[in-house]
Amino acid sequence: MIDPTLPAWLVYCRPGFERDCIEETQAKPVEALENSGYLVLQGKARLAYKQLTFARQLLTLHGEVRELPERDRLTPLLEAIPQSPERYGALYLEVPDTNDGKTLSGFTKRFQPLIEQALRDNERLVDDPLLPRLHIFFPSEDRALIASSDPRNSNDALNGIHRVSMSADAPSRSYLKLAEAFEVFLDKQEQAQWLKPKMTAVDLGAAPGGWTWQLVQRGLKVTAVDNGPLKGAAAGHPDIKHLRQDGFKFRPQRPVDWLVCDMVEQPQRVAALMTEWIVGGFSMNAIFNLKLPMKKRLEALRIALDSIRSALNKKGLRYRLEAKQLYHDREEVTVFLHRERR
């Protein structure tokens, strides 16, 4: 049961990673069904979304409605919305990222306009991105959790999932993973400044070329390093230089704007490689994947990230380091590392 005297949180995650979320937040689980894709937590006065790797979304939970009637779901839902905050800047009706949850998506799409209009009629819903967002989460058709998100401490995407489009000629679906990473880690202004045409990039472990193709589509010139072949449109593209070399041994003759890496290797080894590139000045920006073990995922992740922080701190470097398990990740997380210029 929820203790009304303590803060309560509704957290979305990848199904199967509920325990990792609990361990990471160090909050008390009130509802934590395995493979459900969501958690109800209590006991932490403050959680920071950007510091949580396994949380797709972080919401303040206000209450719930059980046994929603079939004929009139609107009335009990409107009555359950708290009086504070007085107004919301957006309304999200959401479902778990599971097969059962997906069957509810049609229901929420039909129901969304009814709730939205009722809130607008009462001047409780306005178009203002700075206001809290109202979230109504449906674990099932007859139950709803009422929550809100702080735009400064949450994900702005529906269900906490940034949808990206697949390029028809991309060599692999890993193209989507890097596209999502750019959306998650960089705002629109940063994308415009840091991903300009004619910038240079190195893709370590590039084959078959999904990440390389994502960079090329943004106008970058890419050195793709992999002993394996590039496929499809990436093979022989004029803006791609393919080097059949070991990604762990390759170093560029001059610094590049971006380093990306999606190699199947132990997370500590990849972290050490990324650290060497950034500390050595070979690149100022890196996005890379850390493949996690089946057990003690959080421990392995923390060891890898702490080793990066320790090395950069010893050099007195200023940096930004963020890690997220993206929608297109599996048993892995994606990391963004930016070295600030002096």
C-alpha atoms as a PDB file:
ATOM      1  CA  MET A   1       0.000   0.000   0.000  1.00  0.00           C
ATOM      2  CA  ILE A   2       1.080   3.567  -0.691  1.00  0.00           C
ATOM      3  CA  ASP A   3       1.951   5.639   2.350  1.00  0.00           C
ATOM      4  CA  PRO A   4       0.309   9.059   1.758  1.00  0.00           C
ATOM      5  CA  THR A   5       2.940  10.762   3.936  1.00  0.00           C
ATOM      6  CA  LEU A   6       5.830   9.764   1.632  1.00  0.00           C
ATOM      7  CA  PRO A   7       6.636  10.770  -1.960  1.00  0.00           C
ATOM      8  CA  ALA A   8       5.474   8.193  -4.491  1.00  0.00           C
ATOM      9  CA  TRP A   9       6.948   7.633  -7.941  1.00  0.00           C
ATOM     10  CA  LEU A  10       5.742   5.940 -11.099  1.00  0.00           C
ATOM     11  CA  VAL A  11       8.675   4.748 -13.196  1.00  0.00           C
ATOM     12  CA  TYR A  12       8.656   3.198 -16.680  1.00  0.00           C
ATOM     13  CA  CYS A  13      11.448   0.863 -17.759  1.00  0.00           C
ATOM     14  CA  ARG A  14      12.274  -1.872 -20.222  1.00  0.00           C
ATOM     15  CA  PRO A  15      10.373  -5.036 -19.243  1.00  0.00           C
ATOM     16  CA  GLY A  16      12.723  -7.336 -17.357  1.00  0.00           C
ATOM     17  CA  PHE A  17      14.778  -4.517 -15.823  1.00  0.00           C
ATOM     18  CA  GLU A  18      12.461  -3.686 -12.924  1.00  0.00           C
ATOM     19  CA  ARG A  19      14.934  -4.954 -10.317  1.00  0.00           C
ATOM     20  CA  ASP A  20      17.721  -2.858 -11.815  1.00  0.00           C
ATOM     21  CA  CYS A  21      15.498   0.214 -11.505  1.00  0.00           C
ATOM     22  CA  ILE A  22      14.774  -0.547  -7.869  1.00  0.00           C
ATOM     23  CA  GLU A  23      18.450  -1.077  -7.078  1.00  0.00           C
ATOM     24  CA  GLU A  24      19.413   2.105  -8.878  1.00  0.00           C
ATOM     25  CA  THR A  25      16.835   4.345  -7.197  1.00  0.00           C
ATOM     26  CA  GLN A  26      17.250   2.745  -3.740  1.00  0.00           C
ATOM     27  CA  ALA A  27      13.557   3.429  -3.226  1.00  0.00           C
ATOM     28  CA  LYS A  28      11.018   1.059  -1.693  1.00  0.00           C
ATOM     29  CA  PRO A  29       9.048  -0.983  -4.246  1.00  0.00           C
ATOM     30  CA  VAL A  30       5.290  -0.805  -3.678  1.00  0.00           C
ATOM     31  CA  GLU A  31       4.371  -2.449  -6.981  1.00  0.00           C
ATOM     32  CA  ALA A  32       7.072  -4.264  -8.924  1.00  0.00           C
ATOM     33  CA  LEU A  33       5.818  -7.039 -11.158  1.00  0.00           C
ATOM     34  CA  GLU A  34       8.543  -8.721 -13.187  1.00  0.00           C
ATOM     35  CA  ASN A  35       8.386  -7.958 -16.923  1.00  0.00           C
ATOM     36  CA  SER A  36       5.611  -5.398 -16.349  1.00  0.00           C
ATOM     37  CA  GLY A  37       7.629  -2.423 -17.632  1.00  0.00           C
ATOM     38  CA  TYR A  38       6.661  -0.141 -14.755  1.00  0.00           C
ATOM     39  CA  LEU A  39       7.201   0.361 -11.022  1.00  0.00           C
ATOM     40  CA  VAL A  40       5.511   2.165  -8.148  1.00  0.00           C
ATOM     41  CA  LEU A  41       8.185   3.317  -5.698  1.00  0.00           C
ATOM     42  CA  GLN A  42       8.275   5.214  -2.428  1.00  0.00           C
ATOM     43  CA  GLY A  43      10.696   6.521   0.157  1.00  0.00           C
ATOM     44  CA  LYS A  44      13.000   8.860  -1.773  1.00  0.00           C
ATOM     45  CA  ALA A  45      12.239  12.556  -1.416  1.00  0.00           C
ATOM     46  CA  ARG A  46      14.118  13.352  -4.614  1.00  0.00           C
ATOM     47  CA  LEU A  47      15.047  11.362  -7.700  1.00  0.00           C
ATOM     48  CA  ALA A  48      16.940  12.830 -10.653  1.00  0.00           C
ATOM     49  CA  TYR A  49      15.844  11.479 -14.037  1.00  0.00           C
ATOM     50  CA  LYS A  50      19.145  12.127 -15.834  1.00  0.00           C
ATOM     51  CA  GLN A  51      21.026  10.176 -13.176  1.00  0.00           C
ATOM     52  CA  LEU A  52      18.867   7.080 -13.665  1.00  0.00           C
ATOM     53  CA  THR A  53      20.080   4.751 -16.402  1.00  0.00           C
ATOM     54  CA  PHE A  54      17.284   2.184 -16.443  1.00  0.00           C
ATOM     55  CA  ALA A  55      14.310   4.538 -16.026  1.00  0.00           C
ATOM     56  CA  ARG A  56      12.597   5.587 -19.254  1.00  0.00           C
ATOM     57  CA  GLN A  57      10.286   7.922 -17.411  1.00  0.00           C
ATOM     58  CA  LEU A  58      10.064   9.426 -13.921  1.00  0.00           C
ATOM     59  CA  LEU A  59       6.649  10.595 -12.701  1.00  0.00           C
ATOM     60  CA  THR A  60       5.211  11.840  -9.422  1.00  0.00           C
ATOM     61  CA  LEU A  61       2.339   9.520  -8.533  1.00  0.00           C
ATOM     62  CA  HIS A  62      -0.772  11.224  -7.137  1.00  0.00           C
ATOM     63  CA  GLY A  63      -3.253   8.365  -6.888  1.00  0.00           C
ATOM     64  CA  GLU A  64      -5.129   5.671  -8.749  1.00  0.00           C
ATOM     65  CA  VAL A  65      -8.574   4.633  -9.858  1.00  0.00           C
ATOM     66  CA  ARG A  66      -9.523   0.975  -9.551  1.00  0.00           C
ATOM     67  CA  GLU A  67     -12.447  -0.840 -11.132  1.00  0.00           C
ATOM     68  CA  LEU A  68     -13.148   1.751 -13.803  1.00  0.00           C
ATOM     69  CA  PRO A  69     -16.730   1.272 -15.033  1.00  0.00           C
ATOM     70  CA  GLU A  70     -17.262   0.376 -18.676  1.00  0.00           C
ATOM     71  CA  ARG A  71     -19.975   2.963 -19.309  1.00  0.00           C
ATOM     72  CA  ASP A  72     -18.495   6.049 -17.670  1.00  0.00           C
ATOM     73  CA  ARG A  73     -14.726   6.019 -17.232  1.00  0.00           C
ATOM     74  CA  LEU A  74     -14.435   9.768 -17.716  1.00  0.00           C
ATOM     75  CA  THR A  75     -16.087  10.897 -14.453  1.00  0.00           C
ATOM     76  CA  PRO A  76     -13.949   8.900 -11.974  1.00  0.00           C
ATOM     77  CA  LEU A  77     -10.763   9.793 -13.860  1.00  0.00           C
ATOM     78  CA  LEU A  78     -11.498  13.519 -13.788  1.00  0.00           C
ATOM     79  CA  GLU A  79     -12.364  13.300 -10.106  1.00  0.00           C
ATOM     80  CA  ALA A  80      -9.033  11.580  -9.385  1.00  0.00           C
ATOM     81  CA  ILE A  81      -6.917  14.350 -10.903  1.00  0.00           C
ATOM     82  CA  PRO A  82      -5.462  16.353  -7.986  1.00  0.00           C
ATOM     83  CA  GLN A  83      -6.252  20.025  -7.531  1.00  0.00           C
ATOM     84  CA  SER A  84      -2.546  20.843  -7.415  1.00  0.00           C
ATOM     85  CA  PRO A  85      -1.023  21.644  -9.804  1.00  0.00           C
ATOM     86  CA  GLU A  86      -3.900  23.739 -11.054  1.00  0.00           C
ATOM     87  CA  ARG A  87      -2.931  23.529 -14.736  1.00  0.00           C
ATOM     88  CA  TYR A  88      -1.037  21.158 -16.993  1.00  0.00           C
ATOM     89  CA  GLY A  89       0.899  21.805 -20.180  1.00  0.00           C
ATOM     90  CA  ALA A  90       0.174  18.437 -21.810  1.00  0.00           C
ATOM     91  CA  LEU A  91      -1.866  15.269 -21.372  1.00  0.00           C
ATOM     92  CA  TYR A  92      -0.368  11.804 -21.923  1.00  0.00           C
ATOM     93  CA  LEU A  93      -2.442   8.622 -21.815  1.00  0.00           C
ATOM     94  CA  GLU A  94       0.035   5.740 -21.558  1.00  0.00           C
ATOM     95  CA  VAL A  95       0.235   1.962 -21.321  1.00  0.00           C
ATOM     96  CA  PRO A  96       2.951  -0.557 -20.402  1.00  0.00           C
ATOM     97  CA  ASP A  97       5.484  -1.467 -23.098  1.00  0.00           C
ATOM     98  CA  THR A  98       4.327  -5.083 -23.168  1.00  0.00           C
ATOM     99  CA  ASN A  99       2.192  -7.190 -25.489  1.00  0.00           C
ATOM    100  CA  ASP A 100      -0.761  -6.797 -23.127  1.00  0.00           C
ATOM    101  CA  GLY A 101      -0.127  -3.070 -22.899  1.00  0.00           C
ATOM    102  CA  LYS A 102      -0.086  -2.651 -26.645  1.00  0.00           C
ATOM    103  CA  THR A 103      -3.634  -4.033 -26.858  1.00  0.00           C
ATOM    104  CA  LEU A 104      -4.725  -1.023 -24.777  1.00  0.00           C
ATOM    105  CA  SER A 105      -3.229   1.574 -27.128  1.00  0.00           C
ATOM    106  CA  GLY A 106      -6.348   1.725 -29.292  1.00  0.00           C
ATOM    107  CA  PHE A 107      -8.463   2.318 -26.191  1.00  0.00           C
ATOM    108  CA  THR A 108      -6.289   5.218 -25.019  1.00  0.00           C
ATOM    109  CA  LYS A 109      -6.301   6.835 -28.478  1.00  0.00           C
ATOM    110  CA  ARG A 110     -10.098   6.842 -28.540  1.00  0.00           C
ATOM    111  CA  PHE A 111     -10.330   8.074 -24.959  1.00  0.00           C
ATOM    112  CA  GLN A 112      -7.685  10.829 -25.179  1.00  0.00           C
ATOM    113  CA  PRO A 113      -9.867  13.496 -26.909  1.00  0.00           C
ATOM    114  CA  LEU A 114     -12.621  13.115 -24.296  1.00  0.00           C
ATOM    115  CA  ILE A 115     -10.342  13.742 -21.319  1.00  0.00           C
ATOM    116  CA  GLU A 116      -8.450  16.472 -23.129  1.00  0.00           C
ATOM    117  CA  GLN A 117     -11.598  18.394 -24.008  1.00  0.00           C
ATOM    118  CA  ALA A 118     -12.946  18.135 -20.465  1.00  0.00           C
ATOM    119  CA  LEU A 119      -9.695  19.498 -19.043  1.00  0.00           C
ATOM    120  CA  ARG A 120      -9.586  22.343 -21.566  1.00  0.00           C
ATOM    121  CA  ASP A 121     -13.183  23.276 -20.802  1.00  0.00           C
ATOM    122  CA  ASN A 122     -12.181  23.632 -17.148  1.00  0.00           C
ATOM    123  CA  GLU A 123      -9.021  25.573 -18.117  1.00  0.00           C
ATOM    124  CA  ARG A 124      -6.840  22.922 -16.525  1.00  0.00           C
ATOM    125  CA  LEU A 125      -5.039  22.022 -19.754  1.00  0.00           C
ATOM    126  CA  VAL A 126      -3.171  24.701 -21.724  1.00  0.00           C
ATOM    127  CA  ASP A 127      -0.412  24.614 -24.312  1.00  0.00           C
ATOM    128  CA  ASP A 128       2.604  25.514 -22.194  1.00  0.00           C
ATOM    129  CA  PRO A 129       5.769  23.314 -22.262  1.00  0.00           C
ATOM    130  CA  LEU A 130       6.966  24.810 -18.958  1.00  0.00           C
ATOM    131  CA  LEU A 131       3.981  23.492 -16.982  1.00  0.00           C
ATOM    132  CA  PRO A 132       3.848  19.981 -15.493  1.00  0.00           C
ATOM    133  CA  ARG A 133       2.474  17.273 -17.767  1.00  0.00           C
ATOM    134  CA  LEU A 134      -0.465  15.114 -16.695  1.00  0.00           C
ATOM    135  CA  HIS A 135      -0.020  11.368 -17.189  1.00  0.00           C
ATOM    136  CA  ILE A 136      -2.796   8.800 -16.915  1.00  0.00           C
ATOM    137  CA  PHE A 137      -1.258   5.328 -17.010  1.00  0.00           C
ATOM    138  CA  PHE A 138      -3.444   2.289 -17.711  1.00  0.00           C
ATOM    139  CA  PRO A 139      -2.010  -1.053 -16.507  1.00  0.00           C
ATOM    140  CA  SER A 140      -5.380  -2.438 -17.609  1.00  0.00           C
ATOM    141  CA  GLU A 141      -8.694  -1.132 -18.963  1.00  0.00           C
ATOM    142  CA  ASP A 142     -10.245  -0.986 -15.501  1.00  0.00           C
ATOM    143  CA  ARG A 143      -7.360   0.640 -13.622  1.00  0.00           C
ATOM    144  CA  ALA A 144      -5.538   3.955 -13.993  1.00  0.00           C
ATOM    145  CA  LEU A 145      -2.607   5.566 -12.191  1.00  0.00           C
ATOM    146  CA  ILE A 146      -2.715   9.375 -12.059  1.00  0.00           C
ATOM    147  CA  ALA A 147       0.705  11.048 -12.202  1.00  0.00           C
ATOM    148  CA  SER A 148       2.519  14.174 -13.368  1.00  0.00           C
ATOM    149  CA  SER A 149       5.966  14.954 -14.728  1.00  0.00           C
ATOM    150  CA  ASP A 150       8.268  17.907 -14.202  1.00  0.00           C
ATOM    151  CA  PRO A 151       9.560  19.033 -17.646  1.00  0.00           C
ATOM    152  CA  ARG A 152      12.962  19.631 -16.019  1.00  0.00           C
ATOM    153  CA  ASN A 153      13.165  16.160 -14.475  1.00  0.00           C
ATOM    154  CA  SER A 154      11.560  13.717 -16.888  1.00  0.00           C
ATOM    155  CA  ASN A 155      11.335  12.457 -20.451  1.00  0.00           C
ATOM    156  CA  ASP A 156       9.181  14.561 -22.801  1.00  0.00           C
ATOM    157  CA  ALA A 157       8.219  11.604 -25.039  1.00  0.00           C
ATOM    158  CA  LEU A 158       4.997   9.592 -24.818  1.00  0.00           C
ATOM    159  CA  ASN A 159       5.653   6.438 -22.740  1.00  0.00           C
ATOM    160  CA  GLY A 160       9.215   7.683 -22.312  1.00  0.00           C
ATOM    161  CA  ILE A 161      10.043   6.397 -25.805  1.00  0.00           C
ATOM    162  CA  HIS A 162      11.516   8.639 -28.489  1.00  0.00           C
ATOM    163  CA  ARG A 163      10.192   7.360 -31.798  1.00  0.00           C
ATOM    164  CA  VAL A 164      12.649   7.598 -34.696  1.00  0.00           C
ATOM    165  CA  SER A 165      12.247   6.691 -38.354  1.00  0.00           C
ATOM    166  CA  MET A 166      14.095   3.892 -40.095  1.00  0.00           C
ATOM    167  CA  SER A 167      15.964   4.832 -43.249  1.00  0.00           C
ATOM    168  CA  ALA A 168      14.876   2.576 -46.104  1.00  0.00           C
ATOM    169  CA  ASP A 169      18.479   1.988 -47.192  1.00  0.00           C
ATOM    170  CA  ALA A 170      20.073   1.633 -43.743  1.00  0.00           C
ATOM    171  CA  PRO A 171      22.331  -1.451 -43.546  1.00  0.00           C
ATOM    172  CA  SER A 172      20.901  -2.579 -40.194  1.00  0.00           C
ATOM    173  CA  ARG A 173      18.371  -1.681 -37.508  1.00  0.00           C
ATOM    174  CA  SER A 174      21.192  -0.433 -35.273  1.00  0.00           C
ATOM    175  CA  TYR A 175      20.696   2.781 -37.278  1.00  0.00           C
ATOM    176  CA  LEU A 176      17.686   3.425 -35.014  1.00  0.00           C
ATOM    177  CA  LYS A 177      19.742   3.085 -31.838  1.00  0.00           C
ATOM    178  CA  LEU A 178      22.104   5.936 -32.682  1.00  0.00           C
ATOM    179  CA  ALA A 179      19.219   8.042 -34.006  1.00  0.00           C
ATOM    180  CA  GLU A 180      17.448   7.594 -30.664  1.00  0.00           C
ATOM    181  CA  ALA A 181      20.647   8.361 -28.739  1.00  0.00           C
ATOM    182  CA  PHE A 182      20.971  11.742 -30.445  1.00  0.00           C
ATOM    183  CA  GLU A 183      17.355  12.552 -29.533  1.00  0.00           C
ATOM    184  CA  VAL A 184      17.781  11.477 -25.905  1.00  0.00           C
ATOM    185  CA  PHE A 185      21.158  13.039 -25.120  1.00  0.00           C
ATOM    186  CA  LEU A 186      21.127  16.185 -27.257  1.00  0.00           C
ATOM    187  CA  ASP A 187      18.486  18.889 -27.445  1.00  0.00           C
ATOM    188  CA  LYS A 188      17.677  20.491 -30.781  1.00  0.00           C
ATOM    189  CA  GLN A 189      20.187  23.307 -30.307  1.00  0.00           C
ATOM    190  CA  GLU A 190      22.983  20.891 -29.429  1.00  0.00           C
ATOM    191  CA  GLN A 191      22.172  18.718 -32.429  1.00  0.00           C
ATOM    192  CA  ALA A 192      22.410  21.769 -34.687  1.00  0.00           C
ATOM    193  CA  GLN A 193      25.754  22.826 -33.175  1.00  0.00           C
ATOM    194  CA  TRP A 194      27.440  19.464 -32.733  1.00  0.00           C
ATOM    195  CA  LEU A 195      26.192  17.546 -35.779  1.00  0.00           C
ATOM    196  CA  LYS A 196      26.996  19.857 -38.658  1.00  0.00           C
ATOM    197  CA  PRO A 197      27.558  18.688 -42.241  1.00  0.00           C
ATOM    198  CA  LYS A 198      31.205  17.995 -43.116  1.00  0.00           C
ATOM    199  CA  MET A 199      32.101  17.204 -39.499  1.00  0.00           C
ATOM    200  CA  THR A 200      34.157  14.047 -39.048  1.00  0.00           C
ATOM    201  CA  ALA A 201      33.454  10.855 -37.142  1.00  0.00           C
ATOM    202  CA  VAL A 202      34.956   7.441 -36.441  1.00  0.00           C
ATOM    203  CA  ASP A 203      32.745   4.381 -36.009  1.00  0.00           C
ATOM    204  CA  LEU A 204      34.573   1.556 -34.199  1.00  0.00           C
ATOM    205  CA  GLY A 205      33.128  -1.870 -34.876  1.00  0.00           C
ATOM    206  CA  ALA A 206      31.133  -0.373 -37.711  1.00  0.00           C
ATOM    207  CA  ALA A 207      29.982  -3.445 -39.697  1.00  0.00           C
ATOM    208  CA  PRO A 208      27.453  -3.790 -41.191  1.00  0.00           C
ATOM    209  CA  GLY A 209      27.192   0.010 -41.050  1.00  0.00           C
ATOM    210  CA  GLY A 210      24.010   1.055 -39.214  1.00  0.00           C
ATOM    211  CA  TRP A 211      25.669   3.680 -37.001  1.00  0.00           C
ATOM    212  CA  THR A 212      27.893   4.851 -39.842  1.00  0.00           C
ATOM    213  CA  TRP A 213      24.814   5.343 -42.020  1.00  0.00           C
ATOM    214  CA  GLN A 214      23.085   7.400 -39.324  1.00  0.00           C
ATOM    215  CA  LEU A 215      26.102   9.735 -39.204  1.00  0.00           C
ATOM    216  CA  VAL A 216      26.282  10.006 -42.996  1.00  0.00           C
ATOM    217  CA  GLN A 217      22.594  10.878 -43.169  1.00  0.00           C
ATOM    218  CA  ARG A 218      23.394  13.856 -40.924  1.00  0.00           C
ATOM    219  CA  GLY A 219      26.093  15.026 -43.321  1.00  0.00           C
ATOM    220  CA  LEU A 220      29.173  13.771 -41.473  1.00  0.00           C
ATOM    221  CA  LYS A 221      32.201  12.163 -43.095  1.00  0.00           C
ATOM    222  CA  VAL A 222      32.859   8.824 -41.426  1.00  0.00           C
ATOM    223  CA  THR A 223      35.809   6.505 -41.009  1.00  0.00           C
ATOM    224  CA  ALA A 224      34.262   3.068 -40.442  1.00  0.00           C
ATOM    225  CA  VAL A 225      36.648   0.704 -38.686  1.00  0.00           C
ATOM    226  CA  ASP A 226      35.871  -3.014 -38.753  1.00  0.00           C
ATOM    227  CA  ASN A 227      37.429  -6.164 -40.163  1.00  0.00           C
ATOM    228  CA  GLY A 228      33.945  -7.136 -41.324  1.00  0.00           C
ATOM    229  CA  PRO A 229      32.248  -5.787 -44.469  1.00  0.00           C
ATOM    230  CA  LEU A 230      29.875  -2.859 -44.723  1.00  0.00           C
ATOM    231  CA  LYS A 231      26.590  -3.693 -46.394  1.00  0.00           C
ATOM    232  CA  GLY A 232      24.015  -2.071 -48.615  1.00  0.00           C
ATOM    233  CA  ALA A 233      24.237   1.656 -49.266  1.00  0.00           C
ATOM    234  CA  ALA A 234      27.125   2.058 -46.810  1.00  0.00           C
ATOM    235  CA  ALA A 235      29.448  -0.023 -48.962  1.00  0.00           C
ATOM    236  CA  GLY A 236      31.383   2.276 -51.278  1.00  0.00           C
ATOM    237  CA  HIS A 237      29.625   5.494 -50.199  1.00  0.00           C
ATOM    238  CA  PRO A 238      31.835   8.556 -50.987  1.00  0.00           C
ATOM    239  CA  ASP A 239      31.521   9.954 -47.449  1.00  0.00           C
ATOM    240  CA  ILE A 240      32.542   6.664 -45.821  1.00  0.00           C
ATOM    241  CA  LYS A 241      36.133   5.442 -45.577  1.00  0.00           C
ATOM    242  CA  HIS A 242      36.156   1.786 -44.587  1.00  0.00           C
ATOM    243  CA  LEU A 243      39.292   0.544 -42.814  1.00  0.00           C
ATOM    244  CA  ARG A 244      39.563  -3.193 -42.183  1.00  0.00           C
ATOM    245  CA  GLN A 245      41.349  -2.848 -38.865  1.00  0.00           C
ATOM    246  CA  ASP A 246      40.952  -3.765 -35.217  1.00  0.00           C
ATOM    247  CA  GLY A 247      38.778  -1.110 -33.567  1.00  0.00           C
ATOM    248  CA  PHE A 248      40.732  -1.361 -30.320  1.00  0.00           C
ATOM    249  CA  LYS A 249      44.032  -0.556 -32.043  1.00  0.00           C
ATOM    250  CA  PHE A 250      42.962   2.171 -34.466  1.00  0.00           C
ATOM    251  CA  ARG A 251      43.758   5.817 -33.714  1.00  0.00           C
ATOM    252  CA  PRO A 252      43.136   8.725 -36.120  1.00  0.00           C
ATOM    253  CA  GLN A 253      45.961  10.858 -37.461  1.00  0.00           C
ATOM    254  CA  ARG A 254      44.056  13.984 -36.432  1.00  0.00           C
ATOM    255  CA  PRO A 255      41.176  14.611 -33.997  1.00  0.00           C
ATOM    256  CA  VAL A 256      37.608  13.950 -35.131  1.00  0.00           C
ATOM    257  CA  ASP A 257      34.349  15.535 -33.997  1.00  0.00           C
ATOM    258  CA  TRP A 258      32.629  12.286 -33.012  1.00  0.00           C
ATOM    259  CA  LEU A 259      33.546   8.806 -31.849  1.00  0.00           C
ATOM    260  CA  VAL A 260      30.838   6.115 -31.853  1.00  0.00           C
ATOM    261  CA  CYS A 261      31.230   2.492 -30.866  1.00  0.00           C
ATOM    262  CA  ASP A 262      28.902  -0.513 -30.727  1.00  0.00           C
ATOM    263  CA  MET A 263      31.241  -3.468 -30.181  1.00  0.00           C
ATOM    264  CA  VAL A 264      30.360  -6.701 -28.400  1.00  0.00           C
ATOM    265  CA  GLU A 265      32.959  -6.585 -25.654  1.00  0.00           C
ATOM    266  CA  GLN A 266      33.222  -6.416 -21.870  1.00  0.00           C
ATOM    267  CA  PRO A 267      31.960  -3.033 -20.604  1.00  0.00           C
ATOM    268  CA  GLN A 268      35.176  -2.238 -18.722  1.00  0.00           C
ATOM    269  CA  ARG A 269      37.271  -2.756 -21.838  1.00  0.00           C
ATOM    270  CA  VAL A 270      35.030  -0.495 -23.941  1.00  0.00           C
ATOM    271  CA  ALA A 271      35.021   2.131 -21.183  1.00  0.00           C
ATOM    272  CA  ALA A 272      38.830   2.120 -21.101  1.00  0.00           C
ATOM    273  CA  LEU A 273      38.977   2.577 -24.879  1.00  0.00           C
ATOM    274  CA  MET A 274      36.527   5.474 -24.838  1.00  0.00           C
ATOM    275  CA  THR A 275      38.435   7.094 -21.977  1.00  0.00           C
ATOM    276  CA  GLU A 276      41.709   6.883 -23.900  1.00  0.00           C
ATOM    277  CA  TRP A 277      40.145   8.594 -26.913  1.00  0.00           C
ATOM    278  CA  ILE A 278      38.599  11.429 -24.923  1.00  0.00           C
ATOM    279  CA  VAL A 279      41.560  12.027 -22.580  1.00  0.00           C
ATOM    280  CA  GLY A 280      43.948  11.835 -25.521  1.00  0.00           C
ATOM    281  CA  GLY A 281      41.997  14.460 -27.435  1.00  0.00           C
ATOM    282  CA  PHE A 282      41.193  12.175 -30.368  1.00  0.00           C
ATOM    283  CA  SER A 283      37.541  13.238 -30.068  1.00  0.00           C
ATOM    284  CA  MET A 284      35.475  15.610 -27.917  1.00  0.00           C
ATOM    285  CA  ASN A 285      32.244  13.603 -28.216  1.00  0.00           C
ATOM    286  CA  ALA A 286      31.493   9.911 -27.899  1.00  0.00           C
ATOM    287  CA  ILE A 287      28.403   7.722 -27.960  1.00  0.00           C
ATOM    288  CA  PHE A 288      28.968   4.064 -27.182  1.00  0.00           C
ATOM    289  CA  ASN A 289      27.229   0.946 -25.943  1.00  0.00           C
ATOM    290  CA  LEU A 290      28.124  -1.053 -22.860  1.00  0.00           C
ATOM    291  CA  LYS A 291      26.979  -4.678 -23.082  1.00  0.00           C
ATOM    292  CA  LEU A 292      25.851  -5.777 -19.630  1.00  0.00           C
ATOM    293  CA  PRO A 293      26.156  -9.202 -18.003  1.00  0.00           C
ATOM    294  CA  MET A 294      23.027 -11.174 -17.133  1.00  0.00           C
ATOM    295  CA  LYS A 295      23.690 -10.711 -13.413  1.00  0.00           C
ATOM    296  CA  LYS A 296      24.919  -7.691 -11.456  1.00  0.00           C
ATOM    297  CA  ARG A 297      24.153  -5.336 -14.338  1.00  0.00           C
ATOM    298  CA  LEU A 298      24.193  -2.208 -12.208  1.00  0.00           C
ATOM    299  CA  GLU A 299      27.484  -3.161 -10.590  1.00  0.00           C
ATOM    300  CA  ALA A 300      29.142  -3.701 -13.979  1.00  0.00           C
ATOM    301  CA  LEU A 301      27.774  -0.404 -15.236  1.00  0.00           C
ATOM    302  CA  ARG A 302      28.951   1.523 -12.197  1.00  0.00           C
ATOM    303  CA  ILE A 303      32.465   0.071 -12.415  1.00  0.00           C
ATOM    304  CA  ALA A 304      32.708   1.106 -16.077  1.00  0.00           C
ATOM    305  CA  LEU A 305      31.341   4.627 -15.570  1.00  0.00           C
ATOM    306  CA  ASP A 306      33.358   5.228 -12.404  1.00  0.00           C
ATOM    307  CA  SER A 307      36.550   4.310 -14.252  1.00  0.00           C
ATOM    308  CA  ILE A 308      35.755   6.962 -16.874  1.00  0.00           C
ATOM    309  CA  ARG A 309      35.020   9.604 -14.250  1.00  0.00           C
ATOM    310  CA  SER A 310      38.167   8.775 -12.308  1.00  0.00           C
ATOM    311  CA  ALA A 311      40.425   9.098 -15.358  1.00  0.00           C
ATOM    312  CA  LEU A 312      38.882  12.385 -16.506  1.00  0.00           C
ATOM    313  CA  ASN A 313      38.920  13.832 -12.989  1.00  0.00           C
ATOM    314  CA  LYS A 314      42.610  13.005 -12.578  1.00  0.00           C
ATOM    315  CA  LYS A 315      43.339  15.017 -15.717  1.00  0.00           C
ATOM    316  CA  GLY A 316      41.262  17.927 -14.411  1.00  0.00           C
ATOM    317  CA  LEU A 317      38.948  17.744 -17.421  1.00  0.00           C
ATOM    318  CA  ARG A 318      35.418  19.067 -17.483  1.00  0.00           C
ATOM    319  CA  TYR A 319      32.937  16.687 -19.043  1.00  0.00           C
ATOM    320  CA  ARG A 320      29.354  15.506 -19.330  1.00  0.00           C
ATOM    321  CA  LEU A 321      28.630  11.808 -18.863  1.00  0.00           C
ATOM    322  CA  GLU A 322      25.135  10.310 -19.204  1.00  0.00           C
ATOM    323  CA  ALA A 323      23.931   6.737 -19.568  1.00  0.00           C
ATOM    324  CA  LYS A 324      20.486   5.496 -20.598  1.00  0.00           C
ATOM    325  CA  GLN A 325      18.959   2.209 -21.553  1.00  0.00           C
ATOM    326  CA  LEU A 326      17.277   3.246 -24.782  1.00  0.00           C
ATOM    327  CA  TYR A 327      14.165   1.751 -26.313  1.00  0.00           C
ATOM    328  CA  HIS A 328      16.319   0.152 -29.029  1.00  0.00           C
ATOM    329  CA  ASP A 329      18.817  -1.253 -26.520  1.00  0.00           C
ATOM    330  CA  ARG A 330      18.577  -4.843 -25.326  1.00  0.00           C
ATOM    331  CA  GLU A 331      20.989  -6.211 -22.698  1.00  0.00           C
ATOM    332  CA  GLU A 332      22.996  -3.016 -22.892  1.00  0.00           C
ATOM    333  CA  VAL A 333      22.989   0.698 -22.185  1.00  0.00           C
ATOM    334  CA  THR A 334      24.055   3.635 -24.328  1.00  0.00           C
ATOM    335  CA  VAL A 335      26.469   6.243 -22.987  1.00  0.00           C
ATOM    336  CA  PHE A 336      27.125   9.835 -24.052  1.00  0.00           C
ATOM    337  CA  LEU A 337      30.460  11.441 -23.141  1.00  0.00           C
ATOM    338  CA  HIS A 338      31.274  15.055 -23.998  1.00  0.00           C
ATOM    339  CA  ARG A 339      34.567  16.705 -23.120  1.00  0.00           C
ATOM    340  CA  GLU A 340      34.128  20.427 -22.617  1.00  0.00           C
ATOM    341  CA  ARG A 341      36.609  22.797 -24.177  1.00  0.00           C
ATOM    342  CA  ARG A 342      38.709  24.927 -21.877  1.00  0.00           C
END
